[in-house]
C-alpha atoms as a PDB file:
ATOM      1  CA  UNK A   1     -10.750 -24.009 -16.960  1.00  0.00           C
ATOM      2  CA  UNK A   2     -11.694 -24.629 -13.342  1.00  0.00           C
ATOM      3  CA  UNK A   3     -11.236 -21.986 -10.671  1.00  0.00           C
ATOM      4  CA  UNK A   4      -8.330 -23.469  -8.000  1.00  0.00           C
ATOM      5  CA  UNK A   5      -7.998 -21.733  -5.110  1.00  0.00           C
ATOM      6  CA  UNK A   6      -4.825 -20.720  -4.333  1.00  0.00           C
ATOM      7  CA  UNK A   7      -3.011 -21.829  -1.038  1.00  0.00           C
ATOM      8  CA  UNK A   8      -2.131 -18.862   1.965  1.00  0.00           C
ATOM      9  CA  UNK A   9       1.803 -19.487   0.380  1.00  0.00           C
ATOM     10  CA  UNK A  10       0.488 -19.100  -2.885  1.00  0.00           C
ATOM     11  CA  UNK A  11      -1.424 -16.015  -2.309  1.00  0.00           C
ATOM     12  CA  UNK A  12       2.383 -13.822  -2.475  1.00  0.00           C
ATOM     13  CA  UNK A  13       3.343 -10.234  -2.935  1.00  0.00           C
ATOM     14  CA  UNK A  14       5.416  -9.431  -5.172  1.00  0.00           C
ATOM     15  CA  UNK A  15       7.602  -5.563  -5.554  1.00  0.00           C
ATOM     16  CA  UNK A  16       8.965  -5.540  -8.628  1.00  0.00           C
ATOM     17  CA  UNK A  17      11.905  -2.891  -9.270  1.00  0.00           C
ATOM     18  CA  UNK A  18      13.905  -1.731 -12.309  1.00  0.00           C
ATOM     19  CA  UNK A  19      16.831   0.344 -11.432  1.00  0.00           C
ATOM     20  CA  UNK A  20      15.867   2.224 -14.429  1.00  0.00           C
ATOM     21  CA  UNK A  21      12.392   3.742 -13.767  1.00  0.00           C
ATOM     22  CA  UNK A  22      11.260   5.759 -11.380  1.00  0.00           C
ATOM     23  CA  UNK A  23       8.790   3.851 -10.587  1.00  0.00           C
ATOM     24  CA  UNK A  24       7.978   0.079  -8.880  1.00  0.00           C
ATOM     25  CA  UNK A  25       4.996  -2.444  -9.738  1.00  0.00           C
ATOM     26  CA  UNK A  26       3.272  -4.657  -6.440  1.00  0.00           C
ATOM     27  CA  UNK A  27       2.065  -7.495  -7.331  1.00  0.00           C
ATOM     28  CA  UNK A  28      -0.460  -9.021  -4.376  1.00  0.00           C
ATOM     29  CA  UNK A  29      -3.290 -11.164  -3.318  1.00  0.00           C
ATOM     30  CA  UNK A  30      -3.337  -9.283   0.049  1.00  0.00           C
ATOM     31  CA  UNK A  31      -6.680  -8.201   1.014  1.00  0.00           C
ATOM     32  CA  UNK A  32      -5.276  -5.547   3.250  1.00  0.00           C
ATOM     33  CA  UNK A  33      -2.560  -4.307   0.804  1.00  0.00           C
ATOM     34  CA  UNK A  34      -5.126  -4.281  -2.087  1.00  0.00           C
ATOM     35  CA  UNK A  35      -7.122  -2.008  -0.285  1.00  0.00           C
ATOM     36  CA  UNK A  36      -4.132   0.528   0.771  1.00  0.00           C
ATOM     37  CA  UNK A  37      -3.080   0.513  -3.039  1.00  0.00           C
ATOM     38  CA  UNK A  38      -7.360   1.230  -4.157  1.00  0.00           C
ATOM     39  CA  UNK A  39      -7.656   4.133  -1.679  1.00  0.00           C
ATOM     40  CA  UNK A  40      -3.965   5.857  -2.574  1.00  0.00           C
ATOM     41  CA  UNK A  41      -5.097   5.254  -6.456  1.00  0.00           C
ATOM     42  CA  UNK A  42      -8.196   6.655  -5.706  1.00  0.00           C
ATOM     43  CA  UNK A  43      -6.523  10.190  -3.863  1.00  0.00           C
ATOM     44  CA  UNK A  44      -3.468  10.280  -6.232  1.00  0.00           C
ATOM     45  CA  UNK A  45      -4.422   8.473  -9.542  1.00  0.00           C
ATOM     46  CA  UNK A  46      -1.669  10.015 -11.598  1.00  0.00           C
ATOM     47  CA  UNK A  47       1.271   8.492  -9.413  1.00  0.00           C
ATOM     48  CA  UNK A  48      -0.647   4.553  -8.385  1.00  0.00           C
ATOM     49  CA  UNK A  49      -1.413   3.458 -11.315  1.00  0.00           C
ATOM     50  CA  UNK A  50      -3.746  -0.246 -10.548  1.00  0.00           C
ATOM     51  CA  UNK A  51      -2.315  -2.321 -14.021  1.00  0.00           C
ATOM     52  CA  UNK A  52      -4.231  -5.431 -13.837  1.00  0.00           C
ATOM     53  CA  UNK A  53      -6.844  -7.277 -11.810  1.00  0.00           C
ATOM     54  CA  UNK A  54      -5.770 -11.196 -12.408  1.00  0.00           C
ATOM     55  CA  UNK A  55      -7.569 -14.279 -11.021  1.00  0.00           C
ATOM     56  CA  UNK A  56      -7.893 -15.026  -7.133  1.00  0.00           C
ATOM     57  CA  UNK A  57      -8.301 -11.012  -6.084  1.00  0.00           C
ATOM     58  CA  UNK A  58      -4.481 -10.751  -7.475  1.00  0.00           C
ATOM     59  CA  UNK A  59      -4.068  -7.064  -8.154  1.00  0.00           C
ATOM     60  CA  UNK A  60      -0.856  -5.194 -10.110  1.00  0.00           C
ATOM     61  CA  UNK A  61      -0.347  -1.197  -8.921  1.00  0.00           C
ATOM     62  CA  UNK A  62       2.631   0.578 -10.500  1.00  0.00           C
ATOM     63  CA  UNK A  63       3.375   2.978  -8.130  1.00  0.00           C
ATOM     64  CA  UNK A  64       6.663   5.667  -6.988  1.00  0.00           C
ATOM     65  CA  UNK A  65       9.978   3.844  -5.972  1.00  0.00           C
ATOM     66  CA  UNK A  66       9.927   6.550  -3.112  1.00  0.00           C
ATOM     67  CA  UNK A  67       6.629   4.887  -1.103  1.00  0.00           C
ATOM     68  CA  UNK A  68       8.194   1.647  -0.756  1.00  0.00           C
ATOM     69  CA  UNK A  69      10.021   1.328   2.261  1.00  0.00           C
ATOM     70  CA  UNK A  70      12.313  -0.893   4.454  1.00  0.00           C
ATOM     71  CA  UNK A  71      12.810  -0.308   7.971  1.00  0.00           C
ATOM     72  CA  UNK A  72      13.911  -1.422  11.288  1.00  0.00           C
ATOM     73  CA  UNK A  73      10.672  -2.487  13.590  1.00  0.00           C
ATOM     74  CA  UNK A  74      10.005   0.669  15.671  1.00  0.00           C
ATOM     75  CA  UNK A  75       9.709  -0.278  19.798  1.00  0.00           C
ATOM     76  CA  UNK A  76       6.977  -0.454  21.296  1.00  0.00           C
ATOM     77  CA  UNK A  77       7.873   3.258  23.122  1.00  0.00           C
ATOM     78  CA  UNK A  78       7.849   4.305  19.748  1.00  0.00           C
ATOM     79  CA  UNK A  79       4.799   2.914  18.873  1.00  0.00           C
ATOM     80  CA  UNK A  80       3.273   4.069  21.842  1.00  0.00           C
ATOM     81  CA  UNK A  81       4.164   7.926  21.286  1.00  0.00           C
ATOM     82  CA  UNK A  82       3.289   7.497  16.992  1.00  0.00           C
ATOM     83  CA  UNK A  83      -0.351   6.499  18.559  1.00  0.00           C
ATOM     84  CA  UNK A  84      -1.063   9.329  20.806  1.00  0.00           C
ATOM     85  CA  UNK A  85       0.562  11.655  18.383  1.00  0.00           C
ATOM     86  CA  UNK A  86      -1.521  10.223  16.107  1.00  0.00           C
ATOM     87  CA  UNK A  87      -4.491  11.374  17.864  1.00  0.00           C
ATOM     88  CA  UNK A  88      -3.497  14.832  18.973  1.00  0.00           C
ATOM     89  CA  UNK A  89      -2.481  15.798  15.595  1.00  0.00           C
ATOM     90  CA  UNK A  90      -4.258  13.395  12.984  1.00  0.00           C
ATOM     91  CA  UNK A  91      -2.197  10.771  10.527  1.00  0.00           C
ATOM     92  CA  UNK A  92       1.167  12.220   9.585  1.00  0.00           C
ATOM     93  CA  UNK A  93       0.438  11.580   5.346  1.00  0.00           C
ATOM     94  CA  UNK A  94      -2.801  13.291   5.253  1.00  0.00           C
ATOM     95  CA  UNK A  95      -3.090  17.136   4.533  1.00  0.00           C
ATOM     96  CA  UNK A  96      -4.452  19.695   6.494  1.00  0.00           C
ATOM     97  CA  UNK A  97      -7.381  20.448   4.481  1.00  0.00           C
ATOM     98  CA  UNK A  98      -8.182  16.459   4.744  1.00  0.00           C
ATOM     99  CA  UNK A  99      -7.645  16.184   8.442  1.00  0.00           C
ATOM    100  CA  UNK A 100     -10.020  18.998   9.209  1.00  0.00           C
ATOM    101  CA  UNK A 101     -12.399  17.158   6.410  1.00  0.00           C
ATOM    102  CA  UNK A 102     -12.283  14.076   9.008  1.00  0.00           C
ATOM    103  CA  UNK A 103     -10.350  11.426   7.353  1.00  0.00           C
END
């Protein structure tokens, strides 16, 4: 079997949302999203579960539905304010211990 490289259009991200469960599955080829999911699975192994590693560096993770969100775009003013808040107080999803450890 020859290894064919996928085009950018074929390197998609798919979120499977089952109304019968509290989890969603995220299938992706995106390197940035893959890295974020890997990091979250290391920090929260019971919540972010690697289900499959596939061809072309694709991965499928099972994640809590509450971690999937669709939001309106941020205004530039809000983005600047959040950058300033993060510089002063750290990232909002880190625990106090993680902020103190330098994460």
